[in-house]
Amino acid sequence: MTDDGTLSEEARERLADVVRLQPTKNKELQEAWGLESGSEVHSYLEGELKEYYYRDDNSLIRATADAADLVDVEPGVESGDGDDGGVPAVIRVPELESQVFAVVAGPNDRSESVVSVLNKVRDAYDVDPPVEDVRQALQNLRRKGVVEVIYRTVPTFRLAAHRAEIDVEISDS
């Protein structure tokens, strides 16, 4: 942090990494930042970003809501090469969201209802999540920019881009 309390350019970039990679660990940030050890990561976090991160119940590093607003980065999303506000190249999501992503209608297909997606998840993964959890997963994927909503009689969903254009990483949350 600079003397006036604002973040340096390096600190802002590293904070964006925390937001983008969350939930994350010292090791992942060590690799991203080119540091020698996890203790260097811890020292940097405590010295420069203390008010912008916290550790969750599993000791994973997460950014505060203020941090995400400050760096204007969507949590768990890595933008593509063009960085034009289009679909992200990588998303980090919980397992149910990855399952929903895998079965929801493609960008050239007819969009489908939450119940349709729920039934496809049940069939594909032999799980039975509550319909509200599937609805929430679809909304989270929409906020990440990889699913779009089409309003018909009921809101329906489909991918915003082809699955092959987006890598899905399952997070610990």
N, C-alpha and C. Protein backbone atom coordinates (compact mmCIF):
# COMPACT_ATOMS: atom_id res chain seq x y z
N MET A 1 0.84 -1.18 0.00
CA MET A 1 0.00 0.00 0.00
C MET A 1 0.88 1.24 0.00
N THR A 2 0.42 2.25 -0.69
CA THR A 2 1.17 3.50 -0.71
C THR A 2 0.88 4.28 0.57
N ASP A 3 1.63 5.36 0.76
CA ASP A 3 1.47 6.15 1.99
C ASP A 3 0.06 6.71 2.16
N ASP A 4 -0.62 6.98 1.04
CA ASP A 4 -1.97 7.56 1.16
C ASP A 4 -3.06 6.48 1.29
N GLY A 5 -2.64 5.22 1.46
CA GLY A 5 -3.62 4.16 1.69
C GLY A 5 -4.15 3.50 0.44
N THR A 6 -3.73 3.98 -0.75
CA THR A 6 -4.18 3.35 -1.98
C THR A 6 -3.24 2.21 -2.34
N LEU A 7 -3.72 1.30 -3.16
CA LEU A 7 -2.91 0.16 -3.56
C LEU A 7 -1.98 0.53 -4.70
N SER A 8 -0.76 0.00 -4.64
CA SER A 8 0.17 0.16 -5.75
C SER A 8 -0.36 -0.65 -6.94
N GLU A 9 0.20 -0.42 -8.10
CA GLU A 9 -0.21 -1.18 -9.30
C GLU A 9 0.02 -2.67 -9.09
N GLU A 10 1.17 -3.05 -8.51
CA GLU A 10 1.47 -4.45 -8.25
C GLU A 10 0.44 -5.04 -7.28
N ALA A 11 0.13 -4.31 -6.22
CA ALA A 11 -0.84 -4.80 -5.23
C ALA A 11 -2.21 -4.96 -5.88
N ARG A 12 -2.60 -4.03 -6.72
CA ARG A 12 -3.89 -4.11 -7.42
C ARG A 12 -3.93 -5.36 -8.32
N GLU A 13 -2.83 -5.61 -9.04
CA GLU A 13 -2.77 -6.79 -9.91
C GLU A 13 -2.82 -8.08 -9.09
N ARG A 14 -2.12 -8.09 -7.98
CA ARG A 14 -2.12 -9.29 -7.14
C ARG A 14 -3.49 -9.49 -6.48
N LEU A 15 -4.13 -8.41 -6.11
CA LEU A 15 -5.47 -8.51 -5.56
C LEU A 15 -6.43 -9.08 -6.61
N ALA A 16 -6.27 -8.66 -7.86
CA ALA A 16 -7.10 -9.21 -8.94
C ALA A 16 -6.87 -10.71 -9.05
N ASP A 17 -5.63 -11.16 -8.86
CA ASP A 17 -5.34 -12.60 -8.87
C ASP A 17 -6.09 -13.31 -7.74
N VAL A 18 -6.10 -12.71 -6.57
CA VAL A 18 -6.81 -13.33 -5.43
C VAL A 18 -8.30 -13.46 -5.77
N VAL A 19 -8.88 -12.41 -6.32
CA VAL A 19 -10.30 -12.44 -6.67
C VAL A 19 -10.56 -13.50 -7.73
N ARG A 20 -9.74 -13.50 -8.77
CA ARG A 20 -9.92 -14.41 -9.91
C ARG A 20 -9.71 -15.86 -9.51
N LEU A 21 -8.73 -16.14 -8.66
CA LEU A 21 -8.36 -17.51 -8.32
C LEU A 21 -9.13 -18.07 -7.13
N GLN A 22 -9.85 -17.24 -6.42
CA GLN A 22 -10.50 -17.73 -5.20
C GLN A 22 -11.52 -18.81 -5.48
N PRO A 23 -11.71 -19.73 -4.54
CA PRO A 23 -10.90 -19.93 -3.34
C PRO A 23 -9.54 -20.49 -3.74
N THR A 24 -8.49 -19.99 -3.09
CA THR A 24 -7.15 -20.39 -3.49
C THR A 24 -6.29 -20.68 -2.26
N LYS A 25 -5.08 -21.11 -2.53
CA LYS A 25 -4.12 -21.45 -1.48
C LYS A 25 -2.84 -20.66 -1.70
N ASN A 26 -2.01 -20.60 -0.66
CA ASN A 26 -0.72 -19.92 -0.77
C ASN A 26 0.08 -20.43 -1.97
N LYS A 27 0.09 -21.74 -2.17
CA LYS A 27 0.89 -22.35 -3.25
C LYS A 27 0.47 -21.82 -4.62
N GLU A 28 -0.83 -21.71 -4.86
CA GLU A 28 -1.31 -21.22 -6.14
C GLU A 28 -0.91 -19.76 -6.35
N LEU A 29 -1.01 -18.96 -5.31
CA LEU A 29 -0.61 -17.55 -5.42
C LEU A 29 0.91 -17.44 -5.55
N GLN A 30 1.64 -18.31 -4.87
CA GLN A 30 3.10 -18.32 -4.98
C GLN A 30 3.51 -18.53 -6.43
N GLU A 31 2.86 -19.48 -7.11
CA GLU A 31 3.17 -19.75 -8.52
C GLU A 31 2.75 -18.58 -9.41
N ALA A 32 1.57 -18.02 -9.15
CA ALA A 32 1.07 -16.91 -9.96
C ALA A 32 1.95 -15.67 -9.82
N TRP A 33 2.49 -15.46 -8.63
CA TRP A 33 3.26 -14.25 -8.36
C TRP A 33 4.76 -14.45 -8.50
N GLY A 34 5.20 -15.68 -8.73
CA GLY A 34 6.63 -15.95 -8.88
C GLY A 34 7.41 -15.76 -7.60
N LEU A 35 6.81 -16.09 -6.48
CA LEU A 35 7.50 -15.96 -5.19
C LEU A 35 8.17 -17.28 -4.81
N GLU A 36 9.09 -17.20 -3.86
CA GLU A 36 9.89 -18.36 -3.47
C GLU A 36 9.16 -19.31 -2.51
N SER A 37 8.23 -18.79 -1.71
CA SER A 37 7.62 -19.65 -0.70
C SER A 37 6.21 -19.18 -0.34
N GLY A 38 5.49 -20.08 0.30
CA GLY A 38 4.16 -19.75 0.78
C GLY A 38 4.21 -18.70 1.87
N SER A 39 5.31 -18.68 2.62
CA SER A 39 5.41 -17.66 3.68
C SER A 39 5.59 -16.27 3.08
N GLU A 40 6.23 -16.17 1.90
CA GLU A 40 6.31 -14.87 1.22
C GLU A 40 4.91 -14.41 0.81
N VAL A 41 4.09 -15.35 0.35
CA VAL A 41 2.71 -15.03 -0.02
C VAL A 41 1.97 -14.50 1.20
N HIS A 42 2.09 -15.23 2.31
CA HIS A 42 1.42 -14.83 3.55
C HIS A 42 1.88 -13.43 3.98
N SER A 43 3.18 -13.18 3.92
CA SER A 43 3.71 -11.87 4.31
C SER A 43 3.15 -10.77 3.41
N TYR A 44 3.07 -11.04 2.10
CA TYR A 44 2.55 -10.04 1.17
C TYR A 44 1.07 -9.77 1.45
N LEU A 45 0.32 -10.85 1.63
CA LEU A 45 -1.11 -10.69 1.91
C LEU A 45 -1.31 -9.86 3.18
N GLU A 46 -0.58 -10.19 4.22
CA GLU A 46 -0.74 -9.48 5.49
C GLU A 46 -0.22 -8.04 5.40
N GLY A 47 0.85 -7.82 4.64
CA GLY A 47 1.44 -6.50 4.56
C GLY A 47 0.74 -5.56 3.60
N GLU A 48 0.26 -6.08 2.47
CA GLU A 48 -0.28 -5.23 1.42
C GLU A 48 -1.80 -5.35 1.21
N LEU A 49 -2.34 -6.53 1.48
CA LEU A 49 -3.75 -6.78 1.12
C LEU A 49 -4.61 -7.20 2.31
N LYS A 50 -4.13 -6.94 3.50
CA LYS A 50 -4.80 -7.43 4.72
C LYS A 50 -6.30 -7.12 4.77
N GLU A 51 -6.69 -5.93 4.35
CA GLU A 51 -8.11 -5.56 4.46
C GLU A 51 -8.96 -6.09 3.30
N TYR A 52 -8.32 -6.77 2.35
CA TYR A 52 -9.04 -7.22 1.15
C TYR A 52 -9.16 -8.73 1.01
N TYR A 53 -8.69 -9.49 2.00
CA TYR A 53 -8.81 -10.94 1.90
C TYR A 53 -9.11 -11.53 3.27
N TYR A 54 -9.54 -12.78 3.25
CA TYR A 54 -9.75 -13.52 4.49
C TYR A 54 -9.58 -15.01 4.19
N ARG A 55 -9.50 -15.80 5.22
CA ARG A 55 -9.44 -17.25 5.07
C ARG A 55 -10.78 -17.82 5.51
N ASP A 56 -11.33 -18.72 4.68
CA ASP A 56 -12.62 -19.31 5.01
C ASP A 56 -12.45 -20.47 6.00
N ASP A 57 -13.54 -21.19 6.27
CA ASP A 57 -13.51 -22.28 7.24
C ASP A 57 -12.55 -23.40 6.87
N ASN A 58 -12.20 -23.49 5.58
CA ASN A 58 -11.26 -24.51 5.10
C ASN A 58 -9.85 -23.95 4.92
N SER A 59 -9.61 -22.76 5.45
CA SER A 59 -8.33 -22.05 5.36
C SER A 59 -7.97 -21.65 3.93
N LEU A 60 -8.95 -21.60 3.04
CA LEU A 60 -8.71 -21.14 1.68
C LEU A 60 -8.79 -19.62 1.65
N ILE A 61 -7.99 -19.02 0.79
CA ILE A 61 -7.91 -17.57 0.68
C ILE A 61 -9.04 -17.07 -0.22
N ARG A 62 -9.78 -16.10 0.28
CA ARG A 62 -10.89 -15.50 -0.47
C ARG A 62 -10.78 -13.98 -0.38
N ALA A 63 -11.27 -13.32 -1.41
CA ALA A 63 -11.29 -11.86 -1.43
C ALA A 63 -12.58 -11.35 -0.81
N THR A 64 -12.50 -10.18 -0.22
CA THR A 64 -13.71 -9.55 0.30
C THR A 64 -14.53 -8.99 -0.88
N ALA A 65 -15.76 -8.66 -0.61
CA ALA A 65 -16.61 -8.05 -1.65
C ALA A 65 -16.00 -6.73 -2.11
N ASP A 66 -15.43 -5.97 -1.18
CA ASP A 66 -14.78 -4.70 -1.54
C ASP A 66 -13.63 -4.93 -2.51
N ALA A 67 -12.90 -6.02 -2.32
CA ALA A 67 -11.76 -6.32 -3.21
C ALA A 67 -12.25 -6.55 -4.63
N ALA A 68 -13.31 -7.33 -4.77
CA ALA A 68 -13.84 -7.62 -6.10
C ALA A 68 -14.31 -6.33 -6.78
N ASP A 69 -14.94 -5.45 -6.03
CA ASP A 69 -15.39 -4.17 -6.58
C ASP A 69 -14.20 -3.28 -6.96
N LEU A 70 -13.17 -3.29 -6.13
CA LEU A 70 -12.01 -2.44 -6.34
C LEU A 70 -11.27 -2.78 -7.63
N VAL A 71 -11.12 -4.08 -7.91
CA VAL A 71 -10.36 -4.49 -9.10
C VAL A 71 -11.25 -4.82 -10.28
N ASP A 72 -12.58 -4.80 -10.07
CA ASP A 72 -13.54 -5.06 -11.13
C ASP A 72 -13.27 -6.37 -11.87
N VAL A 73 -13.08 -7.43 -11.08
CA VAL A 73 -12.85 -8.77 -11.61
C VAL A 73 -13.93 -9.67 -11.05
N GLU A 74 -14.50 -10.53 -11.87
CA GLU A 74 -15.51 -11.48 -11.43
C GLU A 74 -14.81 -12.64 -10.72
N PRO A 75 -15.22 -12.98 -9.49
CA PRO A 75 -14.58 -14.09 -8.79
C PRO A 75 -14.68 -15.40 -9.57
N GLY A 76 -13.56 -16.13 -9.57
CA GLY A 76 -13.54 -17.44 -10.20
C GLY A 76 -13.62 -17.41 -11.71
N VAL A 77 -13.24 -16.33 -12.35
CA VAL A 77 -13.34 -16.20 -13.80
C VAL A 77 -12.03 -15.67 -14.37
N GLU A 78 -11.51 -16.35 -15.40
CA GLU A 78 -10.35 -15.85 -16.12
C GLU A 78 -10.81 -15.48 -17.51
N SER A 79 -10.54 -14.25 -17.92
CA SER A 79 -11.01 -13.80 -19.22
C SER A 79 -10.19 -14.43 -20.34
N GLY A 80 -10.77 -14.43 -21.52
CA GLY A 80 -10.09 -14.97 -22.69
C GLY A 80 -9.02 -14.02 -23.17
N ASP A 81 -8.34 -14.39 -24.25
CA ASP A 81 -7.23 -13.60 -24.77
C ASP A 81 -7.66 -12.20 -25.16
N GLY A 82 -8.86 -12.07 -25.73
CA GLY A 82 -9.32 -10.76 -26.19
C GLY A 82 -9.67 -9.84 -25.05
N ASP A 83 -10.05 -10.39 -23.91
CA ASP A 83 -10.45 -9.61 -22.74
C ASP A 83 -11.42 -8.49 -23.12
N ASP A 84 -12.38 -8.85 -23.97
CA ASP A 84 -13.31 -7.86 -24.51
C ASP A 84 -14.66 -7.88 -23.80
N GLY A 85 -14.70 -8.50 -22.64
CA GLY A 85 -15.96 -8.59 -21.92
C GLY A 85 -16.81 -9.75 -22.42
N GLY A 86 -16.25 -10.56 -23.30
CA GLY A 86 -16.96 -11.73 -23.82
C GLY A 86 -16.94 -12.85 -22.81
N VAL A 87 -17.11 -14.06 -23.28
CA VAL A 87 -17.12 -15.20 -22.37
C VAL A 87 -15.73 -15.46 -21.82
N PRO A 88 -15.66 -15.88 -20.57
CA PRO A 88 -14.36 -16.16 -19.97
C PRO A 88 -13.76 -17.44 -20.55
N ALA A 89 -12.45 -17.56 -20.46
CA ALA A 89 -11.75 -18.75 -20.93
C ALA A 89 -11.77 -19.84 -19.88
N VAL A 90 -11.80 -19.46 -18.61
CA VAL A 90 -11.77 -20.41 -17.50
C VAL A 90 -12.75 -19.94 -16.44
N ILE A 91 -13.50 -20.88 -15.89
CA ILE A 91 -14.33 -20.58 -14.72
C ILE A 91 -14.03 -21.60 -13.64
N ARG A 92 -14.05 -21.17 -12.39
CA ARG A 92 -13.88 -22.07 -11.24
C ARG A 92 -15.22 -22.11 -10.52
N VAL A 93 -15.79 -23.30 -10.46
CA VAL A 93 -17.13 -23.43 -9.93
C VAL A 93 -17.24 -24.67 -9.05
N PRO A 94 -18.22 -24.69 -8.16
CA PRO A 94 -18.49 -25.90 -7.39
C PRO A 94 -18.97 -27.03 -8.31
N GLU A 95 -18.96 -28.23 -7.80
CA GLU A 95 -19.28 -29.41 -8.62
C GLU A 95 -20.65 -29.32 -9.29
N LEU A 96 -21.68 -28.90 -8.57
CA LEU A 96 -23.01 -28.83 -9.19
C LEU A 96 -23.01 -27.87 -10.37
N GLU A 97 -22.34 -26.73 -10.23
CA GLU A 97 -22.29 -25.80 -11.36
C GLU A 97 -21.56 -26.41 -12.56
N SER A 98 -20.52 -27.21 -12.30
CA SER A 98 -19.83 -27.85 -13.42
C SER A 98 -20.74 -28.87 -14.09
N GLN A 99 -21.56 -29.56 -13.31
CA GLN A 99 -22.50 -30.52 -13.87
C GLN A 99 -23.57 -29.81 -14.70
N VAL A 100 -24.08 -28.70 -14.18
CA VAL A 100 -25.09 -27.92 -14.91
C VAL A 100 -24.48 -27.41 -16.22
N PHE A 101 -23.26 -26.90 -16.14
CA PHE A 101 -22.58 -26.40 -17.34
C PHE A 101 -22.46 -27.51 -18.38
N ALA A 102 -22.18 -28.72 -17.93
CA ALA A 102 -21.96 -29.84 -18.85
C ALA A 102 -23.23 -30.28 -19.57
N VAL A 103 -24.40 -30.03 -18.98
CA VAL A 103 -25.64 -30.55 -19.58
C VAL A 103 -26.56 -29.49 -20.16
N VAL A 104 -26.40 -28.23 -19.79
CA VAL A 104 -27.32 -27.20 -20.27
C VAL A 104 -27.20 -27.07 -21.79
N ALA A 105 -28.29 -26.66 -22.42
CA ALA A 105 -28.33 -26.53 -23.88
C ALA A 105 -27.17 -25.67 -24.39
N GLY A 106 -26.65 -26.04 -25.55
CA GLY A 106 -25.56 -25.31 -26.17
C GLY A 106 -26.03 -23.99 -26.74
N PRO A 107 -25.10 -23.14 -27.20
CA PRO A 107 -25.44 -21.80 -27.67
C PRO A 107 -26.32 -21.80 -28.93
N ASN A 108 -26.29 -22.86 -29.70
CA ASN A 108 -27.12 -22.93 -30.91
C ASN A 108 -28.38 -23.75 -30.72
N ASP A 109 -28.58 -24.26 -29.49
CA ASP A 109 -29.75 -25.09 -29.18
C ASP A 109 -30.86 -24.23 -28.59
N ARG A 110 -32.06 -24.79 -28.56
CA ARG A 110 -33.19 -24.13 -27.91
C ARG A 110 -32.92 -24.09 -26.41
N SER A 111 -33.11 -22.93 -25.82
CA SER A 111 -32.88 -22.80 -24.38
C SER A 111 -33.87 -23.67 -23.62
N GLU A 112 -33.51 -23.97 -22.37
CA GLU A 112 -34.34 -24.89 -21.60
C GLU A 112 -34.59 -24.39 -20.19
N SER A 113 -35.65 -24.92 -19.61
CA SER A 113 -36.07 -24.51 -18.27
C SER A 113 -35.16 -25.10 -17.19
N VAL A 114 -35.28 -24.57 -15.99
CA VAL A 114 -34.55 -25.08 -14.84
C VAL A 114 -34.87 -26.56 -14.63
N VAL A 115 -36.14 -26.93 -14.74
CA VAL A 115 -36.54 -28.32 -14.52
C VAL A 115 -35.92 -29.24 -15.58
N SER A 116 -35.85 -28.77 -16.81
CA SER A 116 -35.21 -29.56 -17.86
C SER A 116 -33.74 -29.80 -17.52
N VAL A 117 -33.05 -28.75 -17.09
CA VAL A 117 -31.64 -28.89 -16.71
C VAL A 117 -31.51 -29.82 -15.51
N LEU A 118 -32.39 -29.67 -14.52
CA LEU A 118 -32.39 -30.56 -13.35
C LEU A 118 -32.50 -32.02 -13.79
N ASN A 119 -33.43 -32.32 -14.68
CA ASN A 119 -33.61 -33.70 -15.14
C ASN A 119 -32.37 -34.22 -15.87
N LYS A 120 -31.72 -33.36 -16.64
CA LYS A 120 -30.50 -33.76 -17.35
C LYS A 120 -29.36 -34.02 -16.37
N VAL A 121 -29.26 -33.21 -15.31
CA VAL A 121 -28.24 -33.44 -14.28
C VAL A 121 -28.51 -34.76 -13.58
N ARG A 122 -29.77 -35.02 -13.23
CA ARG A 122 -30.13 -36.29 -12.58
C ARG A 122 -29.73 -37.47 -13.45
N ASP A 123 -30.07 -37.40 -14.74
CA ASP A 123 -29.77 -38.51 -15.65
C ASP A 123 -28.27 -38.70 -15.86
N ALA A 124 -27.55 -37.61 -16.02
CA ALA A 124 -26.13 -37.70 -16.36
C ALA A 124 -25.24 -38.06 -15.17
N TYR A 125 -25.64 -37.64 -13.96
CA TYR A 125 -24.73 -37.80 -12.82
C TYR A 125 -25.29 -38.64 -11.68
N ASP A 126 -26.50 -39.16 -11.84
CA ASP A 126 -27.10 -39.99 -10.80
C ASP A 126 -27.08 -39.26 -9.45
N VAL A 127 -27.47 -37.99 -9.47
CA VAL A 127 -27.62 -37.18 -8.27
C VAL A 127 -29.01 -36.57 -8.29
N ASP A 128 -29.47 -36.06 -7.17
CA ASP A 128 -30.80 -35.47 -7.11
C ASP A 128 -30.76 -34.16 -6.34
N PRO A 129 -30.15 -33.12 -6.93
CA PRO A 129 -30.09 -31.84 -6.23
C PRO A 129 -31.46 -31.17 -6.20
N PRO A 130 -31.71 -30.33 -5.22
CA PRO A 130 -32.96 -29.58 -5.18
C PRO A 130 -33.05 -28.64 -6.38
N VAL A 131 -34.26 -28.40 -6.84
CA VAL A 131 -34.45 -27.53 -8.00
C VAL A 131 -33.90 -26.13 -7.73
N GLU A 132 -34.00 -25.66 -6.49
CA GLU A 132 -33.47 -24.33 -6.16
C GLU A 132 -31.96 -24.27 -6.33
N ASP A 133 -31.27 -25.37 -6.01
CA ASP A 133 -29.82 -25.40 -6.18
C ASP A 133 -29.44 -25.32 -7.66
N VAL A 134 -30.21 -25.99 -8.51
CA VAL A 134 -29.96 -25.93 -9.95
C VAL A 134 -30.25 -24.53 -10.47
N ARG A 135 -31.33 -23.93 -10.00
CA ARG A 135 -31.66 -22.55 -10.40
C ARG A 135 -30.52 -21.61 -10.00
N GLN A 136 -30.03 -21.77 -8.78
CA GLN A 136 -28.92 -20.93 -8.31
C GLN A 136 -27.67 -21.17 -9.14
N ALA A 137 -27.39 -22.42 -9.48
CA ALA A 137 -26.22 -22.74 -10.30
C ALA A 137 -26.32 -22.06 -11.66
N LEU A 138 -27.50 -22.10 -12.27
CA LEU A 138 -27.70 -21.44 -13.56
C LEU A 138 -27.50 -19.93 -13.45
N GLN A 139 -28.01 -19.34 -12.38
CA GLN A 139 -27.86 -17.89 -12.19
C GLN A 139 -26.39 -17.53 -11.95
N ASN A 140 -25.67 -18.37 -11.19
CA ASN A 140 -24.25 -18.12 -10.97
C ASN A 140 -23.47 -18.21 -12.28
N LEU A 141 -23.79 -19.19 -13.11
CA LEU A 141 -23.14 -19.33 -14.41
C LEU A 141 -23.51 -18.15 -15.32
N ARG A 142 -24.72 -17.65 -15.20
CA ARG A 142 -25.13 -16.48 -15.97
C ARG A 142 -24.29 -15.27 -15.56
N ARG A 143 -24.10 -15.08 -14.24
CA ARG A 143 -23.29 -13.95 -13.76
C ARG A 143 -21.84 -14.06 -14.22
N LYS A 144 -21.36 -15.28 -14.40
CA LYS A 144 -19.99 -15.48 -14.88
C LYS A 144 -19.90 -15.28 -16.39
N GLY A 145 -21.04 -15.15 -17.06
CA GLY A 145 -21.04 -14.86 -18.49
C GLY A 145 -20.99 -16.07 -19.40
N VAL A 146 -21.21 -17.27 -18.86
CA VAL A 146 -21.12 -18.48 -19.69
C VAL A 146 -22.48 -19.09 -20.01
N VAL A 147 -23.51 -18.59 -19.37
CA VAL A 147 -24.88 -19.03 -19.65
C VAL A 147 -25.71 -17.77 -19.87
N GLU A 148 -26.61 -17.83 -20.81
CA GLU A 148 -27.50 -16.70 -21.03
C GLU A 148 -28.93 -17.12 -20.73
N VAL A 149 -29.74 -16.16 -20.34
CA VAL A 149 -31.15 -16.43 -20.06
C VAL A 149 -31.97 -15.92 -21.24
N ILE A 150 -32.92 -16.72 -21.65
CA ILE A 150 -33.86 -16.36 -22.70
C ILE A 150 -35.24 -16.38 -22.05
N TYR A 151 -35.93 -15.26 -22.08
CA TYR A 151 -37.23 -15.18 -21.44
C TYR A 151 -38.32 -15.62 -22.42
N ARG A 152 -38.98 -16.72 -22.05
CA ARG A 152 -40.15 -17.18 -22.79
C ARG A 152 -41.27 -17.19 -21.75
N THR A 153 -42.10 -18.20 -21.73
CA THR A 153 -43.15 -18.28 -20.70
C THR A 153 -42.50 -18.29 -19.32
N VAL A 154 -41.40 -19.02 -19.22
CA VAL A 154 -40.57 -19.03 -18.01
C VAL A 154 -39.14 -18.73 -18.46
N PRO A 155 -38.30 -18.27 -17.54
CA PRO A 155 -36.90 -18.07 -17.94
C PRO A 155 -36.29 -19.40 -18.38
N THR A 156 -35.56 -19.38 -19.47
CA THR A 156 -34.87 -20.58 -19.96
C THR A 156 -33.41 -20.23 -20.17
N PHE A 157 -32.59 -21.26 -20.26
CA PHE A 157 -31.14 -21.05 -20.25
C PHE A 157 -30.47 -21.85 -21.35
N ARG A 158 -29.31 -21.32 -21.79
CA ARG A 158 -28.42 -22.05 -22.69
C ARG A 158 -27.04 -21.43 -22.56
N LEU A 159 -26.04 -22.15 -23.05
CA LEU A 159 -24.68 -21.64 -22.99
C LEU A 159 -24.52 -20.39 -23.83
N ALA A 160 -23.66 -19.51 -23.39
CA ALA A 160 -23.36 -18.29 -24.14
C ALA A 160 -22.27 -18.53 -25.18
N ALA A 161 -21.57 -19.66 -25.07
CA ALA A 161 -20.50 -20.02 -26.01
C ALA A 161 -20.39 -21.54 -26.01
N HIS A 162 -19.65 -22.07 -26.94
CA HIS A 162 -19.46 -23.52 -27.01
C HIS A 162 -18.65 -24.01 -25.81
N ARG A 163 -18.98 -25.19 -25.29
CA ARG A 163 -18.28 -25.75 -24.13
C ARG A 163 -16.78 -25.81 -24.35
N ALA A 164 -16.35 -26.12 -25.56
CA ALA A 164 -14.92 -26.28 -25.85
C ALA A 164 -14.15 -24.97 -25.67
N GLU A 165 -14.83 -23.84 -25.65
CA GLU A 165 -14.16 -22.54 -25.50
C GLU A 165 -13.90 -22.18 -24.04
N ILE A 166 -14.44 -22.96 -23.11
CA ILE A 166 -14.36 -22.61 -21.68
C ILE A 166 -13.86 -23.81 -20.90
N ASP A 167 -12.81 -23.63 -20.13
CA ASP A 167 -12.32 -24.66 -19.22
C ASP A 167 -13.04 -24.49 -17.90
N VAL A 168 -13.55 -25.59 -17.36
CA VAL A 168 -14.23 -25.55 -16.08
C VAL A 168 -13.36 -26.24 -15.04
N GLU A 169 -13.05 -25.54 -13.98
CA GLU A 169 -12.28 -26.09 -12.88
C GLU A 169 -13.19 -26.15 -11.68
N ILE A 170 -13.22 -27.28 -10.99
CA ILE A 170 -14.09 -27.44 -9.82
C ILE A 170 -13.36 -26.89 -8.60
N SER A 171 -14.01 -25.97 -7.91
CA SER A 171 -13.43 -25.37 -6.71
C SER A 171 -13.82 -26.20 -5.50
N ASP A 172 -13.19 -25.91 -4.39
CA ASP A 172 -13.44 -26.64 -3.15
C ASP A 172 -14.70 -26.17 -2.45
N SER A 173 -15.33 -25.11 -2.96
CA SER A 173 -16.51 -24.57 -2.26
C SER A 173 -17.78 -25.22 -2.72
